[in-house]
Protein backbone atom coordinates (compact mmCIF):
# COMPACT_ATOMS: atom_id res chain seq x y z
CA UNK A 1 20.26 -9.15 14.93
CA UNK A 2 18.21 -6.85 12.69
CA UNK A 3 14.88 -5.22 13.35
CA UNK A 4 11.71 -7.29 12.75
CA UNK A 5 9.85 -6.77 9.47
CA UNK A 6 7.09 -4.15 9.35
CA UNK A 7 3.87 -3.93 7.32
CA UNK A 8 2.83 -0.96 5.16
CA UNK A 9 -0.62 -0.46 3.59
CA UNK A 10 -0.40 0.85 0.03
CA UNK A 11 -2.42 1.55 -3.03
CA UNK A 12 -0.91 0.06 -6.17
CA UNK A 13 -1.22 1.76 -9.51
CA UNK A 14 0.39 1.41 -12.91
CA UNK A 15 1.56 3.66 -15.72
CA UNK A 16 1.73 2.48 -19.30
CA UNK A 17 5.27 2.72 -20.65
CA UNK A 18 5.84 4.31 -24.04
CA UNK A 19 6.25 1.89 -26.93
CA UNK A 20 8.85 2.44 -29.62
CA UNK A 21 6.65 0.82 -32.27
CA UNK A 22 2.89 0.45 -32.41
CA UNK A 23 3.21 -3.33 -32.68
CA UNK A 24 5.29 -3.58 -29.46
CA UNK A 25 3.38 -5.10 -26.54
CA UNK A 26 1.88 -2.78 -23.96
CA UNK A 27 3.91 -2.79 -20.74
CA UNK A 28 3.26 -1.15 -17.43
CA UNK A 29 5.37 0.04 -14.53
CA UNK A 30 3.83 -0.38 -11.08
CA UNK A 31 4.05 2.13 -8.26
CA UNK A 32 3.04 1.83 -4.62
CA UNK A 33 1.73 4.79 -2.62
CA UNK A 34 1.66 4.22 1.14
CA UNK A 35 -1.64 4.89 2.89
CA UNK A 36 -0.84 7.37 5.64
CA UNK A 37 2.46 9.04 6.34
CA UNK A 38 4.21 10.68 9.25
CA UNK A 39 5.96 13.49 7.39
CA UNK A 40 7.57 11.64 4.48
CA UNK A 41 7.85 8.29 6.28
CA UNK A 42 5.01 5.78 5.66
CA UNK A 43 3.01 4.60 8.65
CA UNK A 44 4.09 1.04 9.39
CA UNK A 45 2.58 -1.65 11.56
CA UNK A 46 4.18 -4.38 13.66
CA UNK A 47 1.73 -7.06 12.53
CA UNK A 48 -0.36 -7.88 9.50
CA UNK A 49 -3.45 -7.91 11.72
CA UNK A 50 -2.79 -4.35 12.97
CA UNK A 51 -2.44 -3.14 9.38
CA UNK A 52 -5.70 -4.82 8.35
CA UNK A 53 -7.51 -3.30 11.34
CA UNK A 54 -6.26 0.13 10.29
CA UNK A 55 -7.51 -0.41 6.73
CA UNK A 56 -10.95 -1.32 8.10
CA UNK A 57 -10.92 1.85 10.21
CA UNK A 58 -9.94 3.96 7.17
CA UNK A 59 -12.80 2.47 5.12
CA UNK A 60 -15.24 3.05 8.01
CA UNK A 61 -14.22 6.71 8.13
CA UNK A 62 -14.24 7.19 4.34
CA UNK A 63 -16.68 4.67 2.79
CA UNK A 64 -16.27 6.27 -0.66
CA UNK A 65 -12.76 4.77 -0.83
CA UNK A 66 -14.30 1.32 -1.16
CA UNK A 67 -16.10 2.43 -4.33
CA UNK A 68 -13.14 4.12 -6.07
CA UNK A 69 -11.74 0.96 -7.60
CA UNK A 70 -8.46 1.38 -5.74
CA UNK A 71 -6.12 -1.59 -5.59
CA UNK A 72 -4.89 -1.97 -2.00
CA UNK A 73 -1.97 -4.16 -1.03
CA UNK A 74 -0.01 -4.97 2.09
CA UNK A 75 3.75 -4.83 1.84
CA UNK A 76 5.98 -6.64 4.29
CA UNK A 77 9.23 -4.69 4.40
CA UNK A 78 12.59 -5.17 6.03
CA UNK A 79 12.64 -2.41 8.61
CA UNK A 80 15.33 0.18 8.09
CA UNK A 81 14.66 3.39 10.07
CA UNK A 82 14.02 6.51 7.96
CA UNK A 83 14.94 4.84 4.65
CA UNK A 84 11.52 3.85 3.27
CA UNK A 85 10.23 7.22 2.04
CA UNK A 86 6.66 7.63 0.84
CA UNK A 87 7.39 9.15 -2.54
CA UNK A 88 10.65 7.45 -3.49
CA UNK A 89 10.00 4.19 -5.35
CA UNK A 90 13.58 2.89 -5.07
CA UNK A 91 12.76 1.34 -1.69
CA UNK A 92 10.37 -1.21 -3.17
CA UNK A 93 13.09 -3.33 -4.81
CA UNK A 94 15.45 -3.04 -1.85
CA UNK A 95 13.19 -3.59 1.15
CA UNK A 96 9.94 -5.35 0.20
CA UNK A 97 9.94 -8.98 1.29
CA UNK A 98 6.37 -9.82 0.29
CA UNK A 99 3.45 -8.12 -1.45
CA UNK A 100 -0.08 -9.28 -0.64
CA UNK A 101 -2.95 -7.90 -2.77
CA UNK A 102 -6.03 -7.01 -0.72
CA UNK A 103 -9.63 -7.20 -1.86
CA UNK A 104 -12.35 -5.09 -0.32
CA UNK A 105 -15.38 -7.29 0.16
CA UNK A 106 -18.85 -6.42 1.34
CA UNK A 107 -18.16 -4.34 4.39
CA UNK A 108 -20.62 -3.32 7.06
CA UNK A 109 -19.84 0.15 8.29
CA UNK A 110 -19.71 0.69 12.02
CA UNK A 111 -21.65 3.65 13.35
CA UNK A 112 -19.42 5.24 15.98
CA UNK A 113 -22.10 7.63 17.27
CA UNK A 114 -23.51 6.31 20.54
């Protein structure tokens, strides 16, 4: 029996591909950059809830991220130790089971100073 799936927080961004002719439609290639790494391995979470709690904590610590128009998503990946590398995009097609776009809504920041 394989390992259970893991969850990785990412930002999603796109690059416009070059067109051969001006009249060709504009196409984009998407890339996913994991939020947080341990060396070159993305930080993964056992549950979707744990990943969402970490995103809230990140936004609390850096509120400017919420205003940068970043597109966050949550990727559910088949867990394969040390194969999903942060800056190698090949893993997306092989290991991602589900991609869930995330929207940052009005968020009340928690003051941690007591």
